[in-house]
Amino acid sequence: MNTLRFAPLHPFLGLTAAALLACSAGAQLTEWPTTVKPGRFLIEMDAISLTLDREEDFKYTAFGAASVFLTTGVTQNLDVQVGAEFLITQRIETSGFTDRSTGVGDVYVRTKWRFFEAKDSYNAAAIIPWVKIPTNSGGVGNDAVEGGIILPWEARFPGGINLYAMAELDFLRNDADDGYDTDWFGSMALSRQLIGGIGAYAEIAGGKSSGGGSFEGTMGGGVTWAVREYAWWDFAVYRGITRGAADWNPVVRFNVEF
């Protein structure tokens, strides 16, 4: 899975909204350490993503479409990735005031190095440095260069059960636009193939910013459907479990390798 992050209009949604809307190309929010083989390409796309947050006098709605990552292998343990957000629409309603913005998002450049793999028990780990290049339009981004490091880990168990975990450290522009906050993000997912090309997973994630604000936690799950060996759909719904997180985030993803 690849994660696109953008700066939402509503500053209090912060990390979790950025992680959930138009962001999670691939199955699940949690990254995996698997790399794409040399000479092959992987396209991971959030076809449709919706974020909803409702409070007493505040409503936030965001829609993303065609957020895409293209990955190709350099070596057996190293690949390079380029991501882009092709459409983001955001709407805020609060105390009789409404603010809307629609535009193209940012570009992301990443590389993944799988530095550990134990094939007998299948455990694997990788490191993913990333940088965001501000290319947004229409006021949907913060026009800042941002970056971070992601550490994904995977373990496979009998019965087709996979466990994924991820830790992430990001350096994101603060709300005052005069410096950077350190943001921590972590997640864990458990997945299993059910029958034929159908699989299911459950996931929990959370994050906290050094800039203040509440801890942002979310949980959810999804169903994957492999339409052929290297192409699959992913239908997921996430629910905020803390006050700082967005209430709901349904997303439809599509992935194809060739």
C-alpha atoms as a PDB file:
ATOM      1  CA  MET A   1       0.000   0.000   0.000  1.00  0.00           C
ATOM      2  CA  ASN A   2       1.111   3.525  -0.663  1.00  0.00           C
ATOM      3  CA  THR A   3      -0.054   6.539   1.248  1.00  0.00           C
ATOM      4  CA  LEU A   4      -0.590  10.013  -0.163  1.00  0.00           C
ATOM      5  CA  ARG A   5      -0.872  12.789   2.417  1.00  0.00           C
ATOM      6  CA  PHE A   6      -2.232  16.255   1.849  1.00  0.00           C
ATOM      7  CA  ALA A   7      -2.961  19.215   4.091  1.00  0.00           C
ATOM      8  CA  PRO A   8      -6.716  19.478   4.764  1.00  0.00           C
ATOM      9  CA  LEU A   9      -8.407  22.836   5.081  1.00  0.00           C
ATOM     10  CA  HIS A  10      -9.532  22.074   8.595  1.00  0.00           C
ATOM     11  CA  PRO A  11      -6.413  22.283  10.794  1.00  0.00           C
ATOM     12  CA  PHE A  12      -7.846  20.138  13.582  1.00  0.00           C
ATOM     13  CA  LEU A  13      -8.289  17.115  11.304  1.00  0.00           C
ATOM     14  CA  GLY A  14      -4.559  17.118  10.753  1.00  0.00           C
ATOM     15  CA  LEU A  15      -2.799  13.787  10.503  1.00  0.00           C
ATOM     16  CA  THR A  16      -5.672  11.343  10.306  1.00  0.00           C
ATOM     17  CA  ALA A  17      -7.596  13.167   7.603  1.00  0.00           C
ATOM     18  CA  ALA A  18      -4.381  13.532   5.642  1.00  0.00           C
ATOM     19  CA  ALA A  19      -3.764   9.823   5.972  1.00  0.00           C
ATOM     20  CA  LEU A  20      -7.277   8.789   5.002  1.00  0.00           C
ATOM     21  CA  LEU A  21      -8.539  11.011   2.213  1.00  0.00           C
ATOM     22  CA  ALA A  22      -7.233  10.364  -1.276  1.00  0.00           C
ATOM     23  CA  CYS A  23      -4.328   8.733   0.377  1.00  0.00           C
ATOM     24  CA  SER A  24      -4.274   5.027   0.682  1.00  0.00           C
ATOM     25  CA  ALA A  25      -3.556   3.696  -2.710  1.00  0.00           C
ATOM     26  CA  GLY A  26      -3.257  -0.050  -2.249  1.00  0.00           C
ATOM     27  CA  ALA A  27      -4.898  -2.384   0.206  1.00  0.00           C
ATOM     28  CA  GLN A  28      -5.065  -0.976   3.704  1.00  0.00           C
ATOM     29  CA  LEU A  29      -3.494   2.114   5.250  1.00  0.00           C
ATOM     30  CA  THR A  30      -0.584   0.033   6.545  1.00  0.00           C
ATOM     31  CA  GLU A  31       2.367  -0.240   4.190  1.00  0.00           C
ATOM     32  CA  TRP A  32       3.885  -3.613   3.378  1.00  0.00           C
ATOM     33  CA  PRO A  33       7.598  -4.346   2.808  1.00  0.00           C
ATOM     34  CA  THR A  34       7.142  -6.185  -0.503  1.00  0.00           C
ATOM     35  CA  THR A  35       8.945  -4.529  -3.419  1.00  0.00           C
ATOM     36  CA  VAL A  36       8.133  -4.591  -7.114  1.00  0.00           C
ATOM     37  CA  LYS A  37      10.492  -6.702  -9.222  1.00  0.00           C
ATOM     38  CA  PRO A  38      12.779  -5.047 -11.808  1.00  0.00           C
ATOM     39  CA  GLY A  39      11.096  -4.635 -15.160  1.00  0.00           C
ATOM     40  CA  ARG A  40       7.585  -4.700 -13.678  1.00  0.00           C
ATOM     41  CA  PHE A  41       5.219  -1.855 -12.808  1.00  0.00           C
ATOM     42  CA  LEU A  42       2.530  -1.514 -10.147  1.00  0.00           C
ATOM     43  CA  ILE A  43      -0.303   1.029 -10.315  1.00  0.00           C
ATOM     44  CA  GLU A  44      -2.162   1.624  -7.030  1.00  0.00           C
ATOM     45  CA  MET A  45      -5.112   3.987  -7.115  1.00  0.00           C
ATOM     46  CA  ASP A  46      -7.719   5.392  -4.783  1.00  0.00           C
ATOM     47  CA  ALA A  47     -10.547   5.444  -7.296  1.00  0.00           C
ATOM     48  CA  ILE A  48     -12.898   7.214  -4.864  1.00  0.00           C
ATOM     49  CA  SER A  49     -12.374   8.387  -1.288  1.00  0.00           C
ATOM     50  CA  LEU A  50     -14.722  10.345   0.966  1.00  0.00           C
ATOM     51  CA  THR A  51     -13.999  11.889   4.378  1.00  0.00           C
ATOM     52  CA  LEU A  52     -16.809  13.080   6.663  1.00  0.00           C
ATOM     53  CA  ASP A  53     -16.471  14.856  10.010  1.00  0.00           C
ATOM     54  CA  ARG A  54     -19.413  16.275  11.947  1.00  0.00           C
ATOM     55  CA  GLU A  55     -19.370  18.173  15.249  1.00  0.00           C
ATOM     56  CA  GLU A  56     -21.797  20.533  16.965  1.00  0.00           C
ATOM     57  CA  ASP A  57     -21.325  23.581  14.735  1.00  0.00           C
ATOM     58  CA  PHE A  58     -18.832  22.192  12.277  1.00  0.00           C
ATOM     59  CA  LYS A  59     -19.050  20.045   9.142  1.00  0.00           C
ATOM     60  CA  TYR A  60     -16.108  18.910   7.034  1.00  0.00           C
ATOM     61  CA  THR A  61     -16.500  16.989   3.772  1.00  0.00           C
ATOM     62  CA  ALA A  62     -13.684  15.990   1.459  1.00  0.00           C
ATOM     63  CA  PHE A  63     -13.699  13.957  -1.748  1.00  0.00           C
ATOM     64  CA  GLY A  64     -10.727  12.529  -3.607  1.00  0.00           C
ATOM     65  CA  ALA A  65     -10.548  10.715  -6.935  1.00  0.00           C
ATOM     66  CA  ALA A  66      -7.769   9.066  -8.912  1.00  0.00           C
ATOM     67  CA  SER A  67      -4.960   9.393  -6.390  1.00  0.00           C
ATOM     68  CA  VAL A  68      -2.324   7.210  -8.006  1.00  0.00           C
ATOM     69  CA  PHE A  69       1.070   5.686  -7.225  1.00  0.00           C
ATOM     70  CA  LEU A  70       3.256   4.205  -9.991  1.00  0.00           C
ATOM     71  CA  THR A  71       6.017   1.873  -8.753  1.00  0.00           C
ATOM     72  CA  THR A  72       8.781   0.059 -10.612  1.00  0.00           C
ATOM     73  CA  GLY A  73      11.580  -2.164  -9.366  1.00  0.00           C
ATOM     74  CA  VAL A  74      15.256  -1.214  -9.490  1.00  0.00           C
ATOM     75  CA  THR A  75      16.633  -4.369  -7.848  1.00  0.00           C
ATOM     76  CA  GLN A  76      15.001  -7.352  -6.141  1.00  0.00           C
ATOM     77  CA  ASN A  77      14.946  -5.399  -2.849  1.00  0.00           C
ATOM     78  CA  LEU A  78      14.563  -1.799  -4.064  1.00  0.00           C
ATOM     79  CA  ASP A  79      11.867   0.073  -5.949  1.00  0.00           C
ATOM     80  CA  VAL A  80      11.009   3.698  -6.729  1.00  0.00           C
ATOM     81  CA  GLN A  81       7.557   5.267  -6.541  1.00  0.00           C
ATOM     82  CA  VAL A  82       5.882   8.414  -7.852  1.00  0.00           C
ATOM     83  CA  GLY A  83       2.433   9.449  -6.628  1.00  0.00           C
ATOM     84  CA  ALA A  84      -0.019  12.154  -7.654  1.00  0.00           C
ATOM     85  CA  GLU A  85      -3.427  13.414  -6.466  1.00  0.00           C
ATOM     86  CA  PHE A  86      -5.545  14.261  -9.504  1.00  0.00           C
ATOM     87  CA  LEU A  87      -8.680  15.606  -7.811  1.00  0.00           C
ATOM     88  CA  ILE A  88      -9.391  16.862  -4.294  1.00  0.00           C
ATOM     89  CA  THR A  89     -12.531  18.706  -3.206  1.00  0.00           C
ATOM     90  CA  GLN A  90     -12.965  20.052   0.344  1.00  0.00           C
ATOM     91  CA  ARG A  91     -15.861  21.831   2.042  1.00  0.00           C
ATOM     92  CA  ILE A  92     -16.075  23.379   5.514  1.00  0.00           C
ATOM     93  CA  GLU A  93     -19.280  24.655   7.124  1.00  0.00           C
ATOM     94  CA  THR A  94     -19.058  26.369  10.510  1.00  0.00           C
ATOM     95  CA  SER A  95     -21.127  29.063  12.249  1.00  0.00           C
ATOM     96  CA  GLY A  96     -22.861  30.121   9.043  1.00  0.00           C
ATOM     97  CA  PHE A  97     -19.582  30.271   7.097  1.00  0.00           C
ATOM     98  CA  THR A  98     -18.828  27.959   4.149  1.00  0.00           C
ATOM     99  CA  ASP A  99     -15.454  27.474   2.487  1.00  0.00           C
ATOM    100  CA  ARG A 100     -14.900  25.286  -0.579  1.00  0.00           C
ATOM    101  CA  SER A 101     -11.815  24.363  -2.551  1.00  0.00           C
ATOM    102  CA  THR A 102     -11.232  22.080  -5.519  1.00  0.00           C
ATOM    103  CA  GLY A 103      -8.029  21.332  -7.335  1.00  0.00           C
ATOM    104  CA  VAL A 104      -5.155  19.045  -8.174  1.00  0.00           C
ATOM    105  CA  GLY A 105      -3.066  17.788  -5.266  1.00  0.00           C
ATOM    106  CA  ASP A 106       0.650  17.281  -4.774  1.00  0.00           C
ATOM    107  CA  VAL A 107       3.303  14.932  -6.163  1.00  0.00           C
ATOM    108  CA  TYR A 108       5.092  12.386  -3.961  1.00  0.00           C
ATOM    109  CA  VAL A 109       8.427  10.673  -4.578  1.00  0.00           C
ATOM    110  CA  ARG A 110       9.424   7.625  -2.549  1.00  0.00           C
ATOM    111  CA  THR A 111      11.778   4.673  -2.570  1.00  0.00           C
ATOM    112  CA  LYS A 112      11.407   1.368  -0.725  1.00  0.00           C
ATOM    113  CA  TRP A 113      14.315  -0.794   0.398  1.00  0.00           C
ATOM    114  CA  ARG A 114      13.491  -4.228   1.814  1.00  0.00           C
ATOM    115  CA  PHE A 115      16.460  -4.694   4.112  1.00  0.00           C
ATOM    116  CA  PHE A 116      15.314  -7.842   5.916  1.00  0.00           C
ATOM    117  CA  GLU A 117      13.563 -11.028   4.839  1.00  0.00           C
ATOM    118  CA  ALA A 118      13.366 -14.427   6.549  1.00  0.00           C
ATOM    119  CA  LYS A 119      11.848 -16.762   3.995  1.00  0.00           C
ATOM    120  CA  ASP A 120      11.486 -19.796   6.268  1.00  0.00           C
ATOM    121  CA  SER A 121       9.022 -18.064   8.616  1.00  0.00           C
ATOM    122  CA  TYR A 122       8.368 -15.149   6.266  1.00  0.00           C
ATOM    123  CA  ASN A 123       9.080 -12.052   8.198  1.00  0.00           C
ATOM    124  CA  ALA A 124      10.140  -8.963   6.268  1.00  0.00           C
ATOM    125  CA  ALA A 125      10.891  -5.306   6.956  1.00  0.00           C
ATOM    126  CA  ALA A 126      11.622  -2.259   4.813  1.00  0.00           C
ATOM    127  CA  ILE A 127      12.342   1.457   4.992  1.00  0.00           C
ATOM    128  CA  ILE A 128      10.532   4.034   2.858  1.00  0.00           C
ATOM    129  CA  PRO A 129      11.823   7.624   2.774  1.00  0.00           C
ATOM    130  CA  TRP A 130       9.426  10.015   1.050  1.00  0.00           C
ATOM    131  CA  VAL A 131       9.151  13.650   0.021  1.00  0.00           C
ATOM    132  CA  LYS A 132       6.158  15.720  -1.083  1.00  0.00           C
ATOM    133  CA  ILE A 133       6.593  18.244  -3.892  1.00  0.00           C
ATOM    134  CA  PRO A 134       3.942  21.000  -3.675  1.00  0.00           C
ATOM    135  CA  THR A 135       2.135  21.085  -7.020  1.00  0.00           C
ATOM    136  CA  ASN A 136      -1.405  21.672  -5.748  1.00  0.00           C
ATOM    137  CA  SER A 137      -3.930  24.096  -7.173  1.00  0.00           C
ATOM    138  CA  GLY A 138      -7.183  25.579  -5.961  1.00  0.00           C
ATOM    139  CA  GLY A 139      -6.086  25.878  -2.334  1.00  0.00           C
ATOM    140  CA  VAL A 140      -6.251  22.151  -1.527  1.00  0.00           C
ATOM    141  CA  GLY A 141      -2.658  21.960  -0.230  1.00  0.00           C
ATOM    142  CA  ASN A 142      -0.264  23.928   1.935  1.00  0.00           C
ATOM    143  CA  ASP A 143       2.355  24.729  -0.762  1.00  0.00           C
ATOM    144  CA  ALA A 144       5.151  23.294   1.414  1.00  0.00           C
ATOM    145  CA  VAL A 145       7.810  20.668   0.847  1.00  0.00           C
ATOM    146  CA  GLU A 146       7.291  17.862   3.378  1.00  0.00           C
ATOM    147  CA  GLY A 147       8.754  14.438   3.982  1.00  0.00           C
ATOM    148  CA  GLY A 148       9.254  11.542   6.311  1.00  0.00           C
ATOM    149  CA  ILE A 149      10.326   7.945   6.872  1.00  0.00           C
ATOM    150  CA  ILE A 150       8.103   4.851   7.004  1.00  0.00           C
ATOM    151  CA  LEU A 151       9.084   1.488   8.504  1.00  0.00           C
ATOM    152  CA  PRO A 152       6.743  -1.358   7.444  1.00  0.00           C
ATOM    153  CA  TRP A 153       6.916  -4.952   8.731  1.00  0.00           C
ATOM    154  CA  GLU A 154       5.049  -8.101   7.687  1.00  0.00           C
ATOM    155  CA  ALA A 155       4.651 -11.607   9.081  1.00  0.00           C
ATOM    156  CA  ARG A 156       2.823 -14.511   7.440  1.00  0.00           C
ATOM    157  CA  PHE A 157       1.120 -17.300   9.356  1.00  0.00           C
ATOM    158  CA  PRO A 158      -0.478 -20.639   8.444  1.00  0.00           C
ATOM    159  CA  GLY A 159      -4.008 -20.471   7.119  1.00  0.00           C
ATOM    160  CA  GLY A 160      -3.359 -17.497   4.847  1.00  0.00           C
ATOM    161  CA  ILE A 161      -3.217 -14.976   7.708  1.00  0.00           C
ATOM    162  CA  ASN A 162      -0.938 -11.956   7.300  1.00  0.00           C
ATOM    163  CA  LEU A 163       0.010  -9.412   9.955  1.00  0.00           C
ATOM    164  CA  TYR A 164       1.241  -5.956   8.936  1.00  0.00           C
ATOM    165  CA  ALA A 165       2.574  -3.195  11.163  1.00  0.00           C
ATOM    166  CA  MET A 166       3.989   0.229  10.373  1.00  0.00           C
ATOM    167  CA  ALA A 167       5.684   3.124  12.146  1.00  0.00           C
ATOM    168  CA  GLU A 168       6.045   6.513  10.483  1.00  0.00           C
ATOM    169  CA  LEU A 169       7.780   9.780  11.319  1.00  0.00           C
ATOM    170  CA  ASP A 170       6.776  12.826   9.249  1.00  0.00           C
ATOM    171  CA  PHE A 171       7.916  16.418   9.120  1.00  0.00           C
ATOM    172  CA  LEU A 172       4.855  18.469   8.159  1.00  0.00           C
ATOM    173  CA  ARG A 173       4.353  22.213   7.827  1.00  0.00           C
ATOM    174  CA  ASN A 174       2.669  23.688  10.890  1.00  0.00           C
ATOM    175  CA  ASP A 175      -0.628  25.587  10.852  1.00  0.00           C
ATOM    176  CA  ALA A 176       1.138  28.928  11.420  1.00  0.00           C
ATOM    177  CA  ASP A 177       3.269  28.310   8.310  1.00  0.00           C
ATOM    178  CA  ASP A 178       6.429  29.343  10.120  1.00  0.00           C
ATOM    179  CA  GLY A 179       8.064  25.961  10.704  1.00  0.00           C
ATOM    180  CA  TYR A 180       7.558  22.194  10.821  1.00  0.00           C
ATOM    181  CA  ASP A 181       5.867  19.849  13.271  1.00  0.00           C
ATOM    182  CA  THR A 182       6.992  16.301  13.945  1.00  0.00           C
ATOM    183  CA  ASP A 183       4.130  13.881  13.373  1.00  0.00           C
ATOM    184  CA  TRP A 184       4.101  10.261  14.513  1.00  0.00           C
ATOM    185  CA  PHE A 185       1.829   7.727  12.854  1.00  0.00           C
ATOM    186  CA  GLY A 186       1.431   3.996  13.460  1.00  0.00           C
ATOM    187  CA  SER A 187      -0.907   1.271  12.254  1.00  0.00           C
ATOM    188  CA  MET A 188      -1.511  -2.462  12.268  1.00  0.00           C
ATOM    189  CA  ALA A 189      -3.570  -4.699  10.008  1.00  0.00           C
ATOM    190  CA  LEU A 190      -4.581  -8.352  10.005  1.00  0.00           C
ATOM    191  CA  SER A 191      -5.686  -9.907   6.723  1.00  0.00           C
ATOM    192  CA  ARG A 192      -6.822 -13.312   5.491  1.00  0.00           C
ATOM    193  CA  GLN A 193      -7.822 -14.862   2.201  1.00  0.00           C
ATOM    194  CA  LEU A 194     -11.357 -16.246   2.466  1.00  0.00           C
ATOM    195  CA  ILE A 195     -12.387 -18.051  -0.689  1.00  0.00           C
ATOM    196  CA  GLY A 196     -11.295 -17.788  -4.277  1.00  0.00           C
ATOM    197  CA  GLY A 197     -10.128 -14.256  -4.956  1.00  0.00           C
ATOM    198  CA  ILE A 198     -11.929 -12.767  -1.926  1.00  0.00           C
ATOM    199  CA  GLY A 199     -10.024 -11.577   1.146  1.00  0.00           C
ATOM    200  CA  ALA A 200     -10.766  -9.440   4.207  1.00  0.00           C
ATOM    201  CA  TYR A 201      -8.794  -7.337   6.660  1.00  0.00           C
ATOM    202  CA  ALA A 202      -9.179  -5.329   9.858  1.00  0.00           C
ATOM    203  CA  GLU A 203      -7.011  -2.344  10.717  1.00  0.00           C
ATOM    204  CA  ILE A 204      -6.297   0.180  13.450  1.00  0.00           C
ATOM    205  CA  ALA A 205      -4.213   3.355  13.178  1.00  0.00           C
ATOM    206  CA  GLY A 206      -3.323   6.425  15.188  1.00  0.00           C
ATOM    207  CA  GLY A 207      -1.160   9.513  15.135  1.00  0.00           C
ATOM    208  CA  LYS A 208      -0.030  12.522  17.168  1.00  0.00           C
ATOM    209  CA  SER A 209       1.561  15.808  16.200  1.00  0.00           C
ATOM    210  CA  SER A 210       4.153  17.769  18.166  1.00  0.00           C
ATOM    211  CA  GLY A 211       2.137  20.855  17.222  1.00  0.00           C
ATOM    212  CA  GLY A 212      -0.558  19.938  19.715  1.00  0.00           C
ATOM    213  CA  GLY A 213      -4.078  18.726  19.222  1.00  0.00           C
ATOM    214  CA  SER A 214      -5.694  15.462  20.180  1.00  0.00           C
ATOM    215  CA  PHE A 215      -4.469  11.958  19.511  1.00  0.00           C
ATOM    216  CA  GLU A 216      -6.102  10.814  16.281  1.00  0.00           C
ATOM    217  CA  GLY A 217      -7.212   7.185  16.191  1.00  0.00           C
ATOM    218  CA  THR A 218      -9.168   5.289  13.575  1.00  0.00           C
ATOM    219  CA  MET A 219     -10.201   1.708  12.940  1.00  0.00           C
ATOM    220  CA  GLY A 220     -11.864  -0.087  10.086  1.00  0.00           C
ATOM    221  CA  GLY A 221     -11.744  -2.926   7.644  1.00  0.00           C
ATOM    222  CA  GLY A 222     -12.269  -3.939   4.085  1.00  0.00           C
ATOM    223  CA  VAL A 223     -12.786  -6.624   1.488  1.00  0.00           C
ATOM    224  CA  THR A 224     -10.425  -7.321  -1.404  1.00  0.00           C
ATOM    225  CA  TRP A 225     -11.432  -8.946  -4.673  1.00  0.00           C
ATOM    226  CA  ALA A 226      -8.790 -10.274  -7.070  1.00  0.00           C
ATOM    227  CA  VAL A 227     -10.268 -10.070 -10.561  1.00  0.00           C
ATOM    228  CA  ARG A 228      -7.131 -11.764 -11.907  1.00  0.00           C
ATOM    229  CA  GLU A 229      -3.683 -12.696 -10.625  1.00  0.00           C
ATOM    230  CA  TYR A 230      -2.211  -9.184 -10.699  1.00  0.00           C
ATOM    231  CA  ALA A 231      -5.314  -6.987 -10.468  1.00  0.00           C
ATOM    232  CA  TRP A 232      -7.625  -6.464  -7.492  1.00  0.00           C
ATOM    233  CA  TRP A 233     -10.221  -4.152  -5.976  1.00  0.00           C
ATOM    234  CA  ASP A 234     -10.276  -3.044  -2.349  1.00  0.00           C
ATOM    235  CA  PHE A 235     -13.455  -1.759  -0.647  1.00  0.00           C
ATOM    236  CA  ALA A 236     -12.859  -0.287   2.834  1.00  0.00           C
ATOM    237  CA  VAL A 237     -14.566   1.815   5.521  1.00  0.00           C
ATOM    238  CA  TYR A 238     -12.777   3.570   8.402  1.00  0.00           C
ATOM    239  CA  ARG A 239     -14.305   5.069  11.541  1.00  0.00           C
ATOM    240  CA  GLY A 240     -12.704   7.662  13.806  1.00  0.00           C
ATOM    241  CA  ILE A 241     -12.447   6.414  17.407  1.00  0.00           C
ATOM    242  CA  THR A 242     -11.113   9.611  18.991  1.00  0.00           C
ATOM    243  CA  ARG A 243     -12.381  13.176  18.902  1.00  0.00           C
ATOM    244  CA  GLY A 244      -9.413  14.358  16.852  1.00  0.00           C
ATOM    245  CA  ALA A 245     -10.100  11.935  13.973  1.00  0.00           C
ATOM    246  CA  ALA A 246     -12.532  12.283  11.085  1.00  0.00           C
ATOM    247  CA  ASP A 247     -15.818  10.426  11.660  1.00  0.00           C
ATOM    248  CA  TRP A 248     -15.991   8.296   8.506  1.00  0.00           C
ATOM    249  CA  ASN A 249     -13.827   7.462   5.501  1.00  0.00           C
ATOM    250  CA  PRO A 250     -15.126   5.015   2.882  1.00  0.00           C
ATOM    251  CA  VAL A 251     -12.698   4.324   0.034  1.00  0.00           C
ATOM    252  CA  VAL A 252     -12.598   2.252  -3.160  1.00  0.00           C
ATOM    253  CA  ARG A 253      -9.149   1.256  -4.411  1.00  0.00           C
ATOM    254  CA  PHE A 254      -7.863  -0.487  -7.530  1.00  0.00           C
ATOM    255  CA  ASN A 255      -4.425  -2.065  -8.035  1.00  0.00           C
ATOM    256  CA  VAL A 256      -2.822  -3.650 -11.088  1.00  0.00           C
ATOM    257  CA  GLU A 257       0.680  -4.996 -11.719  1.00  0.00           C
ATOM    258  CA  PHE A 258       2.114  -5.637 -15.174  1.00  0.00           C
END
